[in-house]
């Protein structure tokens, strides 16, 4: 099976300059393809394929104007074109929104390097050989397996740091999964990240002191960056220093990356604890995150919880370990049903954090009651099977 490994790399000054140039050209070619494809569709009502654009770029455009495009690896440029082609095809199929132009400050452009020669992408304990870049030092030793067959790699940049994602072909080892625990229902929330039916609770990481301090520092640094834009708005090009603005932008990017890493690592920890319990099955609810984001009072808190990332990580881990993952419909009244007698409560406001059943006099915490209802739910969709 194919497995990806992502880790940070350390470049020399020459390698860093070449990687920055490659990423910049890939962003320029991607935006150029979007612009050309949009004009072509307005004139002919037909989609401009990536192969046709690549022929025009190599045979006509680079010879007339942008000859510096050929200074970077051609495979990385070709992959950027095919990424734009795929984005347009997904839009026409209704699978995604219309592709947008990529900005430099968003740092969402990657450079793709396939394996061209036998010696390319050779992995050692502390370094890896990237095509056209040379030997690159890995920050984390021994993470990428040295005996695996590496097919391709992708270089990316985030907040002043460089990362490599390596796609390897490894042997699939199937382990016999023996459950040691009954099924577990997981109720996700905002005040508390997750409440499980086996009396385990995961607090909200965004309410901890380190995250609060980082949020406060981020707000202060963003105000400083905004003042820089406002002060230089009406000045001429040579009257202000853009380097200081770029330094401040890097400070803001590093704080954003730090917060994102804390949240992602906490989600990975929660998934690891749930999987190591070895349950018979796991049941989660299909949350309407898009509808929850429309509430301007809760949108920021919902976005910080990263429910989508939790579901993706849990699905991948259950698929790897062979755990059955069940998904209950978003309209299932998990909070309003009594977990003891099954009677539905007609009115239950969001401020009521304790569930009191009028039929059997059961009094439970609202989230605990919801997790029990998810555990015993009879109507569900199986995402991963044993």
Protein backbone atom coordinates (compact mmCIF):
# COMPACT_ATOMS: atom_id res chain seq x y z
CA UNK A 1 0.00 0.00 0.00
CA UNK A 2 1.00 3.65 -0.43
CA UNK A 3 1.76 5.74 2.62
CA UNK A 4 2.88 9.37 2.91
CA UNK A 5 5.45 10.70 5.38
CA UNK A 6 5.74 14.44 6.00
CA UNK A 7 8.58 16.04 7.91
CA UNK A 8 10.57 19.26 8.05
CA UNK A 9 13.74 19.69 5.98
CA UNK A 10 16.72 22.02 6.30
CA UNK A 11 18.00 23.66 3.11
CA UNK A 12 21.22 25.42 2.35
CA UNK A 13 21.06 29.00 1.03
CA UNK A 14 21.38 27.83 -2.58
CA UNK A 15 18.76 25.09 -2.17
CA UNK A 16 16.36 27.48 -0.45
CA UNK A 17 16.67 29.97 -3.30
CA UNK A 18 15.98 27.25 -5.88
CA UNK A 19 12.97 25.90 -3.97
CA UNK A 20 11.52 29.40 -3.57
CA UNK A 21 11.98 29.99 -7.28
CA UNK A 22 10.28 26.69 -8.14
CA UNK A 23 7.32 27.36 -5.86
CA UNK A 24 6.98 30.89 -7.27
CA UNK A 25 6.98 29.65 -10.87
CA UNK A 26 4.42 26.94 -10.02
CA UNK A 27 2.14 29.59 -8.53
CA UNK A 28 2.56 31.84 -11.59
CA UNK A 29 1.86 28.99 -14.05
CA UNK A 30 -1.18 27.84 -12.06
CA UNK A 31 -2.66 31.36 -12.09
CA UNK A 32 -1.80 31.75 -15.78
CA UNK A 33 -3.63 28.53 -16.58
CA UNK A 34 -6.72 29.67 -14.66
CA UNK A 35 -6.76 32.99 -16.50
CA UNK A 36 -6.27 31.36 -19.91
CA UNK A 37 -8.84 28.64 -19.24
CA UNK A 38 -11.46 31.18 -18.16
CA UNK A 39 -10.97 33.24 -21.31
CA UNK A 40 -11.05 30.11 -23.47
CA UNK A 41 -14.30 28.95 -21.90
CA UNK A 42 -15.98 32.35 -22.40
CA UNK A 43 -15.04 32.38 -26.08
CA UNK A 44 -15.61 28.73 -27.06
CA UNK A 45 -17.73 27.31 -24.19
CA UNK A 46 -15.22 24.45 -24.00
CA UNK A 47 -12.76 23.43 -21.34
CA UNK A 48 -9.05 24.01 -22.02
CA UNK A 49 -7.26 20.82 -21.06
CA UNK A 50 -3.98 20.89 -19.20
CA UNK A 51 -2.18 19.08 -22.05
CA UNK A 52 -3.19 21.72 -24.62
CA UNK A 53 -2.12 24.52 -22.29
CA UNK A 54 1.20 22.79 -21.63
CA UNK A 55 1.89 22.58 -25.39
CA UNK A 56 1.10 26.28 -25.82
CA UNK A 57 3.23 27.20 -22.83
CA UNK A 58 6.31 25.27 -24.00
CA UNK A 59 6.12 25.95 -27.74
CA UNK A 60 4.84 29.54 -27.88
CA UNK A 61 4.62 31.41 -24.57
CA UNK A 62 8.05 30.62 -23.10
CA UNK A 63 9.77 31.39 -26.40
CA UNK A 64 8.12 34.79 -26.74
CA UNK A 65 7.86 36.25 -23.22
CA UNK A 66 8.44 34.26 -20.02
CA UNK A 67 11.63 32.36 -20.76
CA UNK A 68 12.50 32.15 -17.04
CA UNK A 69 9.83 29.46 -16.60
CA UNK A 70 12.31 26.94 -18.02
CA UNK A 71 14.80 27.69 -15.24
CA UNK A 72 12.89 25.41 -12.84
CA UNK A 73 12.15 21.65 -13.11
CA UNK A 74 9.63 20.96 -15.89
CA UNK A 75 7.85 18.18 -13.95
CA UNK A 76 6.93 20.60 -11.16
CA UNK A 77 5.52 23.07 -13.70
CA UNK A 78 3.57 20.31 -15.46
CA UNK A 79 2.06 19.15 -12.16
CA UNK A 80 0.93 22.71 -11.36
CA UNK A 81 -0.89 22.82 -14.72
CA UNK A 82 -2.55 19.45 -14.09
CA UNK A 83 -3.64 20.60 -10.63
CA UNK A 84 -5.45 23.53 -12.25
CA UNK A 85 -6.97 21.18 -14.84
CA UNK A 86 -8.23 18.88 -12.09
CA UNK A 87 -9.69 21.84 -10.17
CA UNK A 88 -11.69 22.93 -13.23
CA UNK A 89 -12.93 19.39 -13.93
CA UNK A 90 -14.10 19.00 -10.34
CA UNK A 91 -15.94 22.33 -10.68
CA UNK A 92 -17.71 21.21 -13.85
CA UNK A 93 -18.70 17.93 -12.16
CA UNK A 94 -20.13 19.81 -9.18
CA UNK A 95 -17.60 18.36 -6.72
CA UNK A 96 -15.96 21.67 -5.78
CA UNK A 97 -16.30 25.41 -6.13
CA UNK A 98 -14.76 27.43 -8.93
CA UNK A 99 -10.93 27.47 -8.61
CA UNK A 100 -9.43 30.73 -7.41
CA UNK A 101 -6.08 32.34 -8.01
CA UNK A 102 -3.35 31.45 -5.52
CA UNK A 103 -1.75 34.22 -3.50
CA UNK A 104 1.81 34.31 -2.27
CA UNK A 105 0.90 35.10 1.32
CA UNK A 106 -1.41 32.05 1.66
CA UNK A 107 1.51 29.64 1.05
CA UNK A 108 -0.73 26.94 -0.42
CA UNK A 109 1.46 26.13 -3.45
CA UNK A 110 3.62 23.00 -3.51
CA UNK A 111 6.42 21.83 -5.81
CA UNK A 112 6.07 18.26 -7.09
CA UNK A 113 9.13 16.12 -7.85
CA UNK A 114 8.66 12.61 -9.32
CA UNK A 115 11.32 9.92 -9.44
CA UNK A 116 13.18 10.29 -12.74
CA UNK A 117 16.37 8.28 -12.16
CA UNK A 118 17.29 5.26 -10.08
CA UNK A 119 19.28 7.32 -7.59
CA UNK A 120 16.53 9.92 -7.11
CA UNK A 121 14.64 9.98 -3.81
CA UNK A 122 17.22 7.81 -2.08
CA UNK A 123 16.44 7.88 1.63
CA UNK A 124 19.05 7.63 4.35
CA UNK A 125 18.66 8.03 8.08
CA UNK A 126 19.30 11.77 8.14
CA UNK A 127 18.89 12.92 4.52
CA UNK A 128 17.05 12.40 1.24
CA UNK A 129 18.09 13.05 -2.36
CA UNK A 130 15.52 15.28 -4.10
CA UNK A 131 15.63 15.51 -7.93
CA UNK A 132 17.38 18.69 -9.22
CA UNK A 133 17.88 19.85 -5.58
CA UNK A 134 20.39 17.29 -4.30
CA UNK A 135 20.86 15.85 -0.85
CA UNK A 136 18.56 17.53 1.68
CA UNK A 137 18.99 17.24 5.46
CA UNK A 138 15.99 15.91 7.39
CA UNK A 139 15.19 17.53 10.72
CA UNK A 140 13.68 14.31 12.11
CA UNK A 141 16.09 11.39 11.79
CA UNK A 142 14.80 7.91 11.01
CA UNK A 143 11.17 8.92 10.42
CA UNK A 144 11.04 8.08 6.71
CA UNK A 145 11.71 4.32 6.18
CA UNK A 146 14.96 3.71 4.32
CA UNK A 147 13.85 0.37 2.85
CA UNK A 148 10.61 1.63 1.27
CA UNK A 149 10.17 2.32 -2.46
CA UNK A 150 9.73 6.10 -2.78
CA UNK A 151 7.77 7.15 -5.90
CA UNK A 152 7.49 10.94 -5.55
CA UNK A 153 7.86 13.84 -3.15
CA UNK A 154 6.37 17.29 -2.65
CA UNK A 155 8.09 20.34 -1.19
CA UNK A 156 6.07 23.02 0.59
CA UNK A 157 6.64 26.12 2.70
CA UNK A 158 4.76 27.25 5.80
CA UNK A 159 5.64 30.17 8.08
CA UNK A 160 9.29 30.28 7.11
CA UNK A 161 9.75 26.50 7.43
CA UNK A 162 10.10 23.94 4.63
CA UNK A 163 8.50 20.50 4.58
CA UNK A 164 8.76 17.42 2.39
CA UNK A 165 5.99 14.91 1.86
CA UNK A 166 7.24 11.55 0.58
CA UNK A 167 4.97 8.94 -1.01
CA UNK A 168 6.23 5.42 -0.30
CA UNK A 169 5.13 1.94 -1.28
CA UNK A 170 5.21 -0.19 1.86
CA UNK A 171 4.01 -3.69 2.58
CA UNK A 172 0.57 -3.84 4.13
CA UNK A 173 0.64 -5.65 7.45
CA UNK A 174 -2.78 -6.91 8.48
CA UNK A 175 -3.17 -7.37 12.21
CA UNK A 176 -6.04 -9.30 13.73
CA UNK A 177 -8.07 -6.80 15.70
CA UNK A 178 -9.46 -8.18 18.96
CA UNK A 179 -11.86 -5.73 20.67
CA UNK A 180 -11.46 -5.37 24.41
CA UNK A 181 -14.24 -2.84 25.05
CA UNK A 182 -17.88 -2.37 24.20
CA UNK A 183 -18.97 0.14 21.59
CA UNK A 184 -18.29 3.82 22.29
CA UNK A 185 -20.46 6.80 21.40
CA UNK A 186 -18.61 10.10 20.93
CA UNK A 187 -20.53 13.36 21.26
CA UNK A 188 -18.65 16.41 19.97
CA UNK A 189 -19.30 19.87 21.33
CA UNK A 190 -17.99 23.38 21.80
CA UNK A 191 -17.72 23.75 25.58
CA UNK A 192 -16.11 20.31 25.78
CA UNK A 193 -14.44 18.85 22.73
CA UNK A 194 -15.74 15.30 23.15
CA UNK A 195 -17.75 13.35 25.72
CA UNK A 196 -17.63 9.57 25.41
CA UNK A 197 -20.11 6.99 26.62
CA UNK A 198 -17.47 5.15 28.68
CA UNK A 199 -17.18 8.17 31.03
CA UNK A 200 -14.14 9.75 29.38
CA UNK A 201 -14.16 13.46 28.61
CA UNK A 202 -11.80 15.55 26.49
CA UNK A 203 -11.67 19.24 27.36
CA UNK A 204 -11.57 22.12 24.92
CA UNK A 205 -7.92 22.83 24.07
CA UNK A 206 -8.78 26.41 23.08
CA UNK A 207 -9.66 27.25 26.71
CA UNK A 208 -6.23 26.34 28.05
CA UNK A 209 -3.79 29.03 29.14
CA UNK A 210 -1.10 28.50 26.44
CA UNK A 211 -3.65 28.83 23.61
CA UNK A 212 -5.24 31.89 25.20
CA UNK A 213 -1.82 33.58 25.46
CA UNK A 214 -1.06 32.76 21.82
CA UNK A 215 -4.44 34.11 20.71
CA UNK A 216 -3.78 37.33 22.61
CA UNK A 217 -0.32 37.67 21.09
CA UNK A 218 -1.73 36.97 17.62
CA UNK A 219 -4.31 39.71 17.99
CA UNK A 220 -1.59 42.18 19.01
CA UNK A 221 0.71 41.24 16.11
CA UNK A 222 -2.15 41.44 13.62
CA UNK A 223 -2.91 44.99 14.75
CA UNK A 224 0.74 45.86 14.25
CA UNK A 225 0.66 44.43 10.72
CA UNK A 226 -2.55 46.30 9.95
CA UNK A 227 -1.00 49.60 11.05
CA UNK A 228 1.86 48.97 8.65
CA UNK A 229 -0.57 48.66 5.75
CA UNK A 230 -2.55 51.74 6.79
CA UNK A 231 0.53 53.94 7.25
CA UNK A 232 1.92 53.09 3.82
CA UNK A 233 -1.37 53.06 1.94
CA UNK A 234 -1.09 56.52 0.40
CA UNK A 235 2.71 56.63 0.05
CA UNK A 236 4.61 56.13 -3.14
CA UNK A 237 6.46 52.93 -3.89
CA UNK A 238 9.94 54.09 -2.88
CA UNK A 239 8.93 55.87 0.32
CA UNK A 240 8.36 52.88 2.59
CA UNK A 241 10.27 49.73 3.48
CA UNK A 242 8.54 46.52 2.40
CA UNK A 243 11.06 44.34 4.26
CA UNK A 244 9.72 45.33 7.66
CA UNK A 245 6.21 44.46 6.53
CA UNK A 246 7.39 41.04 5.35
CA UNK A 247 9.08 40.46 8.71
CA UNK A 248 5.87 41.29 10.54
CA UNK A 249 3.87 39.08 8.18
CA UNK A 250 6.20 36.20 9.01
CA UNK A 251 5.60 36.76 12.74
CA UNK A 252 1.84 36.50 12.19
CA UNK A 253 2.25 33.38 10.04
CA UNK A 254 4.35 31.67 12.72
CA UNK A 255 1.69 32.33 15.37
CA UNK A 256 -1.02 30.94 13.09
CA UNK A 257 1.09 27.85 12.41
CA UNK A 258 1.78 27.35 16.12
CA UNK A 259 -1.93 27.45 16.97
CA UNK A 260 -2.79 25.11 14.11
CA UNK A 261 -0.14 22.61 15.23
CA UNK A 262 -1.43 22.64 18.82
CA UNK A 263 -5.00 21.92 17.69
CA UNK A 264 -3.94 19.24 15.23
CA UNK A 265 -1.76 17.49 17.79
CA UNK A 266 -4.61 17.51 20.32
CA UNK A 267 -6.97 15.93 17.78
CA UNK A 268 -4.36 13.28 17.05
CA UNK A 269 -4.11 12.60 20.79
CA UNK A 270 -7.89 12.21 21.16
CA UNK A 271 -8.05 9.80 18.21
CA UNK A 272 -5.13 7.80 19.60
CA UNK A 273 -6.80 7.43 23.01
CA UNK A 274 -10.08 6.29 21.44
CA UNK A 275 -8.40 3.72 19.20
CA UNK A 276 -6.16 2.34 21.96
CA UNK A 277 -9.29 1.57 23.99
CA UNK A 278 -9.96 -1.16 21.36
CA UNK A 279 -13.74 -0.75 21.16
CA UNK A 280 -16.07 -2.99 19.20
CA UNK A 281 -17.26 0.05 17.27
CA UNK A 282 -17.20 3.84 17.41
CA UNK A 283 -20.24 6.01 16.72
CA UNK A 284 -20.09 9.70 15.84
CA UNK A 285 -22.67 12.19 14.62
CA UNK A 286 -22.71 13.82 11.19
CA UNK A 287 -22.54 17.45 12.30
CA UNK A 288 -23.90 20.27 10.16
CA UNK A 289 -20.73 22.37 10.47
CA UNK A 290 -21.68 24.59 7.54
CA UNK A 291 -24.94 25.53 9.25
CA UNK A 292 -23.24 26.04 12.60
CA UNK A 293 -20.75 28.43 11.00
CA UNK A 294 -23.60 30.73 9.99
CA UNK A 295 -24.12 31.68 13.63
CA UNK A 296 -21.83 34.67 14.07
CA UNK A 297 -21.69 34.16 17.84
CA UNK A 298 -20.41 30.57 17.55
CA UNK A 299 -18.61 30.52 14.20
CA UNK A 300 -15.13 31.18 15.60
CA UNK A 301 -15.53 28.59 18.37
CA UNK A 302 -16.80 26.00 15.88
CA UNK A 303 -13.93 26.65 13.47
CA UNK A 304 -11.34 26.28 16.24
CA UNK A 305 -12.65 22.84 17.21
CA UNK A 306 -11.66 21.35 13.81
CA UNK A 307 -14.49 18.81 13.64
CA UNK A 308 -13.73 17.93 10.03
CA UNK A 309 -10.08 17.15 10.78
CA UNK A 310 -11.15 14.96 13.72
CA UNK A 311 -13.51 12.96 11.52
CA UNK A 312 -10.86 12.47 8.82
CA UNK A 313 -8.20 11.34 11.31
CA UNK A 314 -10.62 9.01 13.07
CA UNK A 315 -11.73 7.49 9.76
CA UNK A 316 -8.15 6.85 8.66
CA UNK A 317 -7.17 5.34 11.99
CA UNK A 318 -10.24 3.08 12.13
CA UNK A 319 -9.56 1.96 8.57
CA UNK A 320 -5.97 1.15 9.48
CA UNK A 321 -6.79 -0.75 12.66
CA UNK A 322 -9.95 -2.44 11.39
CA UNK A 323 -12.43 -0.76 13.75
CA UNK A 324 -16.04 -0.30 12.69
CA UNK A 325 -16.93 3.39 12.52
CA UNK A 326 -20.60 4.32 12.49
CA UNK A 327 -22.04 7.66 11.37
CA UNK A 328 -25.43 8.78 12.67
CA UNK A 329 -27.54 11.23 10.68
CA UNK A 330 -27.31 14.90 11.63
CA UNK A 331 -31.06 15.04 12.39
CA UNK A 332 -30.88 12.22 14.93
CA UNK A 333 -32.15 13.71 18.25
CA UNK A 334 -29.29 12.43 20.39
CA UNK A 335 -29.67 15.23 22.95
CA UNK A 336 -33.45 15.04 23.28
CA UNK A 337 -33.81 11.26 23.68
CA UNK A 338 -33.64 9.62 27.08
CA UNK A 339 -30.86 7.03 27.11
CA UNK A 340 -32.76 4.94 29.70
CA UNK A 341 -36.35 4.73 28.42
CA UNK A 342 -36.05 6.21 24.94
CA UNK A 343 -38.74 8.89 25.36
CA UNK A 344 -38.11 12.06 23.35
CA UNK A 345 -38.21 15.38 25.14
CA UNK A 346 -40.14 17.96 23.14
CA UNK A 347 -38.38 21.11 24.32
CA UNK A 348 -34.72 21.31 25.26
CA UNK A 349 -32.93 24.63 25.02
CA UNK A 350 -29.20 24.97 24.46
CA UNK A 351 -28.73 26.54 27.90
CA UNK A 352 -30.04 23.39 29.67
CA UNK A 353 -26.88 21.37 30.34
CA UNK A 354 -28.65 18.71 32.42
CA UNK A 355 -31.10 16.27 30.87
CA UNK A 356 -34.05 15.41 33.11
CA UNK A 357 -36.49 12.82 31.77
CA UNK A 358 -40.16 13.42 32.60
CA UNK A 359 -41.04 9.75 32.12
CA UNK A 360 -38.47 7.79 34.17
CA UNK A 361 -36.98 10.64 36.25
CA UNK A 362 -33.49 10.03 34.86
CA UNK A 363 -31.09 12.94 35.45
CA UNK A 364 -27.91 12.98 33.41
CA UNK A 365 -25.47 15.43 31.95
CA UNK A 366 -26.69 16.53 28.53
CA UNK A 367 -23.54 15.47 26.68
CA UNK A 368 -23.25 12.13 28.51
CA UNK A 369 -26.87 11.36 27.60
CA UNK A 370 -26.16 12.21 23.95
CA UNK A 371 -23.09 9.96 23.86
CA UNK A 372 -25.12 7.04 25.26
CA UNK A 373 -27.80 7.59 22.63
CA UNK A 374 -25.15 7.56 19.92
CA UNK A 375 -23.77 4.32 21.32
CA UNK A 376 -27.17 2.56 21.21
CA UNK A 377 -28.32 4.14 17.92
CA UNK A 378 -29.92 1.60 15.55
CA UNK A 379 -29.98 3.69 12.38
CA UNK A 380 -26.50 4.58 11.13
CA UNK A 381 -24.14 4.40 8.16
CA UNK A 382 -21.03 2.25 8.39
CA UNK A 383 -17.96 4.16 7.16
CA UNK A 384 -15.26 1.60 7.96
CA UNK A 385 -15.81 -2.09 8.58
CA UNK A 386 -13.84 -4.69 10.49
